[in-house]
Structures are given as C-alpha cells and as structure tokens.
Protein backbone atom coordinates (compact mmCIF):
# COMPACT_ATOMS: atom_id res chain seq x y z
CA MET A 1 44.93 111.58 114.33
CA ASN A 2 48.64 111.56 113.44
CA VAL A 3 51.52 110.97 115.86
CA MET A 4 52.40 114.64 116.30
CA GLU A 5 48.78 115.57 117.03
CA ILE A 6 48.25 112.94 119.71
CA GLU A 7 51.53 113.80 121.44
CA GLN A 8 50.20 117.32 121.99
CA GLU A 9 46.95 116.17 123.53
CA ARG A 10 46.17 116.72 127.20
CA THR A 11 46.49 113.89 129.70
CA LEU A 12 42.77 113.99 130.57
CA TYR A 13 41.93 113.56 126.90
CA LEU A 14 44.40 110.68 126.53
CA ALA A 15 42.98 109.02 129.64
CA SER A 16 39.53 109.23 128.07
CA GLU A 17 40.81 107.75 124.81
CA LEU A 18 42.58 104.95 126.69
CA MET A 19 39.39 104.03 128.52
CA ASP A 20 37.48 104.00 125.23
CA CYS A 21 40.12 101.74 123.66
CA LEU A 22 40.02 99.29 126.55
CA ILE A 23 36.23 99.16 126.58
CA ALA A 24 36.14 98.68 122.79
CA ARG A 25 38.72 95.90 122.96
CA GLU A 26 36.69 94.19 125.65
CA LYS A 27 33.67 94.30 123.33
CA PHE A 28 35.78 92.86 120.53
CA GLY A 29 36.91 90.06 122.79
CA TYR A 30 33.41 89.05 123.81
CA ALA A 31 31.68 89.70 120.47
CA ARG A 32 29.80 86.76 118.95
CA VAL A 33 28.34 86.83 115.49
CA TRP A 34 24.85 85.88 116.68
CA ARG A 35 24.86 88.25 119.67
CA SER A 36 26.90 91.25 118.46
CA PRO A 37 26.90 91.30 114.66
CA TYR A 38 28.09 94.92 114.51
CA TRP A 39 31.19 94.28 116.62
CA TRP A 40 31.83 90.97 114.89
CA ALA A 41 31.77 92.66 111.48
CA ARG A 42 34.22 95.35 112.60
CA LYS A 43 36.41 93.02 114.64
CA LYS A 44 38.85 91.93 111.95
CA ILE A 45 38.96 95.35 110.32
CA THR A 46 39.66 97.63 113.28
CA ARG A 47 41.10 95.58 116.13
CA GLY A 48 44.69 95.91 114.94
CA ARG A 49 44.30 99.66 114.44
CA LEU A 50 42.71 99.97 117.86
CA GLU A 51 45.56 98.09 119.53
CA ARG A 52 48.18 100.28 117.83
CA TYR A 53 46.34 103.41 118.92
CA GLN A 54 46.11 102.14 122.50
CA ILE A 55 49.83 101.35 122.58
CA ARG A 56 50.65 104.84 121.31
CA ILE A 57 48.52 106.43 124.03
CA LEU A 58 50.19 104.29 126.68
CA ASP A 59 53.64 105.24 125.39
CA ILE A 60 52.81 108.93 125.82
CA LEU A 61 51.26 108.49 129.28
CA MET A 62 54.19 106.36 130.43
CA ALA A 63 56.63 109.07 129.37
CA ARG A 64 54.67 111.78 131.16
CA TYR A 65 54.34 109.87 134.42
CA LYS A 66 57.72 108.14 134.43
CA GLY A 67 59.43 110.77 136.59
CA VAL A 68 56.89 110.89 139.40
CA ILE A 69 56.27 107.13 139.41
CA SER A 70 60.03 106.53 139.60
CA GLN A 71 60.15 108.85 142.60
CA ILE A 72 57.32 106.92 144.23
CA LEU A 73 59.07 103.59 143.67
CA LYS A 74 62.40 104.87 144.99
CA ARG A 75 60.72 106.35 148.06
CA ALA A 76 59.08 102.98 148.67
CA GLY A 77 62.46 101.27 148.58
CA THR A 78 62.51 99.84 145.05
CA GLY A 79 66.11 99.41 143.93
CA GLU A 80 67.39 101.38 140.95
CA GLU A 81 67.95 98.16 139.04
CA ASN A 82 64.27 97.22 139.41
CA ILE A 83 62.66 100.56 138.50
CA GLU A 84 62.10 99.85 134.80
CA THR A 85 60.56 96.45 135.47
CA ALA A 86 58.28 97.96 138.11
CA LEU A 87 57.21 100.73 135.73
CA TRP A 88 56.17 98.21 133.10
CA GLU A 89 54.30 96.14 135.67
CA ILE A 90 52.33 99.18 136.82
CA TRP A 91 51.15 100.03 133.31
CA ILE A 92 50.25 96.44 132.53
CA ARG A 93 48.18 96.35 135.71
CA VAL A 94 46.51 99.66 134.80
CA GLN A 95 45.40 98.14 131.49
CA ASP A 96 44.12 95.02 133.22
CA GLY A 97 42.28 97.03 135.87
CA CYS A 98 40.82 99.81 133.74
CA PRO A 99 38.30 98.10 131.42
CA PRO A 100 35.50 98.08 134.03
CA VAL A 101 35.98 101.83 134.54
CA SER A 102 33.36 103.74 132.57
CA ASP A 103 35.09 107.11 132.27
CA TYR A 104 38.45 108.86 132.32
CA GLN A 105 37.86 110.48 135.72
CA SER A 106 39.08 107.37 137.55
CA PHE A 107 42.33 107.05 135.58
CA SER A 108 44.60 108.68 138.17
CA LYS A 109 42.91 106.71 140.94
CA ALA A 110 43.63 103.47 139.08
CA LEU A 111 47.22 104.54 138.39
CA TRP A 112 47.86 105.40 142.05
CA LYS A 113 46.34 102.12 143.19
CA GLU A 114 48.64 100.09 140.94
CA CYS A 115 51.66 102.16 141.97
CA MET A 116 50.98 101.26 145.59
CA GLU A 117 50.42 97.59 144.74
CA VAL A 118 53.74 97.34 142.92
CA ALA A 119 55.68 99.54 145.35
CA LYS A 120 54.46 97.38 148.26
CA ALA A 121 54.86 100.33 150.61
CA PRO A 122 52.66 103.39 151.21
CA VAL A 123 54.01 106.71 149.94
CA PRO A 124 51.10 109.08 150.70
CA ALA A 125 53.25 112.22 150.56
CA LEU A 126 53.66 111.84 146.79
CA LYS A 127 50.00 111.23 145.98
CA PRO A 128 49.18 114.95 145.46
CA LYS A 129 52.12 115.23 143.06
CA LEU A 130 50.88 112.35 140.93
CA MET A 131 47.34 113.73 140.97
CA LEU A 132 48.51 117.19 139.90
CA ARG A 133 50.21 115.85 136.75
CA GLN A 134 46.94 115.66 134.80
CA PHE A 135 46.18 119.32 135.57
CA VAL A 136 49.62 120.52 134.50
CA ASP A 137 48.77 119.42 130.97
CA GLU A 138 45.56 121.46 131.09
CA MET A 139 47.70 124.60 131.25
CA GLN A 140 48.28 126.38 127.96
CA SER A 141 51.63 125.69 126.33
CA SER A 142 54.06 128.19 127.86
CA ASP A 143 57.46 128.59 129.49
CA GLU A 144 55.72 128.21 132.85
CA ARG A 145 54.19 124.87 131.97
CA GLY A 146 57.42 123.69 130.41
CA ILE A 147 59.54 124.53 133.42
CA LEU A 148 57.00 122.95 135.76
CA ILE A 149 57.14 119.68 133.81
CA ASP A 150 60.92 119.78 133.54
CA ARG A 151 61.69 120.62 137.15
CA ALA A 152 58.92 118.74 138.96
CA TYR A 153 58.21 115.74 136.72
CA ASN A 154 61.31 115.10 134.64
CA SER A 155 63.77 115.47 137.46
CA ASP A 156 64.66 113.55 140.62
CA ALA A 157 65.38 116.77 142.48
CA SER A 158 63.55 116.84 145.81
CA ASN A 159 63.81 120.61 146.23
CA PRO A 160 62.99 123.51 143.91
CA PRO A 161 65.96 125.01 142.04
CA ALA A 162 67.54 128.13 143.49
CA GLU A 163 68.04 130.14 140.28
CA THR A 164 66.12 133.41 140.56
CA GLU A 165 64.71 133.35 137.02
CA VAL A 166 63.53 129.76 137.39
CA LEU A 167 61.88 130.50 140.73
CA LYS A 168 60.00 133.42 139.17
CA LYS A 169 58.67 131.21 136.41
CA LEU A 170 57.73 128.49 138.87
CA SER A 171 55.84 131.04 140.95
CA ALA A 172 53.90 132.10 137.86
CA ALA A 173 53.34 128.43 137.01
CA TYR A 174 51.74 127.75 140.41
CA ALA A 175 49.16 130.47 139.73
CA LEU A 176 48.33 128.98 136.32
CA LEU A 177 48.09 125.50 137.81
CA HIS A 178 45.81 126.80 140.54
CA TYR A 179 43.49 128.24 137.89
CA GLN A 180 43.22 124.83 136.21
CA LEU A 181 42.24 123.13 139.46
CA LEU A 182 39.53 125.74 140.01
CA ASN A 183 38.44 125.25 136.41
CA HIS A 184 37.85 121.55 137.17
CA GLU A 185 36.18 122.23 140.51
CA HIS A 186 33.09 120.17 139.69
CA GLU A 187 35.12 116.98 139.16
CA LEU A 188 38.26 117.74 141.16
CA SER A 189 37.63 115.28 143.98
CA ILE A 190 36.89 112.44 141.55
CA LEU A 191 39.88 113.18 139.31
CA SER A 192 42.23 113.27 142.30
CA ASP A 193 40.76 110.33 144.23
CA GLY A 194 39.74 112.74 147.01
CA GLU A 195 43.27 114.03 147.50
CA LEU A 196 42.44 117.53 146.21
CA THR A 197 39.06 119.05 146.99
CA PRO A 198 37.46 122.34 145.93
CA GLU A 199 37.25 123.41 149.57
CA MET A 200 40.98 122.82 150.02
CA ILE A 201 42.04 124.53 146.80
CA LYS A 202 39.90 127.61 147.42
CA THR A 203 41.81 128.30 150.63
CA LEU A 204 45.11 128.65 148.73
CA LYS A 205 46.30 132.18 148.07
CA PRO A 206 49.26 133.76 146.23
CA PRO A 207 52.13 132.93 146.15
CA TYR A 208 50.61 129.41 146.33
CA VAL A 209 53.44 127.87 148.34
CA GLN A 210 51.38 124.72 148.87
CA TYR A 211 52.00 123.75 145.25
CA MET A 212 55.73 124.08 145.82
CA ARG A 213 55.40 121.78 148.84
CA TRP A 214 53.39 119.20 146.94
CA LEU A 215 55.70 119.24 143.92
CA PHE A 216 59.11 119.62 145.54
CA ASP A 217 59.04 119.16 149.31
CA SER A 218 56.96 116.00 149.71
C-alpha cells in the first residue's frame, strides 16, 4: 500500500494494522530458529519494512488525534511548552502497552488510558470526544466530515462556530456521525471503552444536540 492510499484509510482500519504490526514485531523479537523457523526465516527480510509501516501508521494516527489529545492535556493543566513532549510520551506508551491486545477494538481504550497516565489528572468530560474520533473517519468523505474534523478536532475552539452555513453543515454531520455509531452497534461499547452504548445512542434524536455537547461544550 502506498503513502497516499494509507493516508485515506479509516482510523479503525489503521488501529487494526497497528495491532498486527506490534504483534508481528513481538513474534520477531522472540523468534528462535529451533522454535519458530518461519519467523526466523522472515525476520531479516521483513522486520525493517514492518517497522517503517508501523511508523507511518503512527504518524497518521498522531496527526488525527493531536487536536483532541492536546485539549485533554491542556485541560489537565499541562503547560503549552510541555504539550509536544507529552504527546510523544503518550504514543510511545501506547506502543509499549498495545502488543498484548489481540484486536483493534481496544485501541481507543489504550489511548485514553495513556492520556490519563501522562496528563496525571482526570478529564472525563473529554473522553466521549476522543472516542468519537474513530467513528468520524467511518463517515464517507464529504464536506460534513471535513468540517467536523476541522472544527472539532483540528481546532482549540471550545464552542461551535456561529456562522450559519457552518452550523448547517455541522448539523448534517451529527446525523451522519449518529448513523455510524448505530452501524457499529454490536461493538460500540468495546470500541468506546463503555463511554458510548447502543442504549444511549438510540435515545438520541434529531437535531442530535448531544453530539454538539460532546464535541464542543465538554
């Protein structure tokens, strides 16, 4: 898969690929010629390629989550001058903590856990916002998805913008986001670490103001 293709992939897919990379690297690390001849034979050939692929995935995920994680750190009291260092520490910890995880469904749980460890202060109000990020990428490419990413995840604004046209698109975006959560109903609780449940989501009705609260008013 080339660089442009992987950049367009959904976060849930990238989380799955990251888990596979970490598990494969763990197998490489423990492979012994007399115990794991298959892995030993492939070790020298593919380990470098695997590491480069893993780094590329992490670069993309870091870019997507940088806005919301920065908001979490600031809310917890991390100084502006320490944000970048804290961001790197979180992703290093995610890599260290993820290998035992057998599937992508626990990715956001692991990410939230490390955010709280590094932040050293609870910020529960922003947990739904972090959990929703993976579902935003499940939306089809559109103006609505783009404006949701730009205004909620690439901005430090704590309130939704007041421009009428933008508010209309955000309102449409909430409906599309809601559909994606319903579409993942069977795994919603696991993907969101229990923060979003099917029972909760099914109670939400148009104009879906709860999404605005989670994304902008938390």
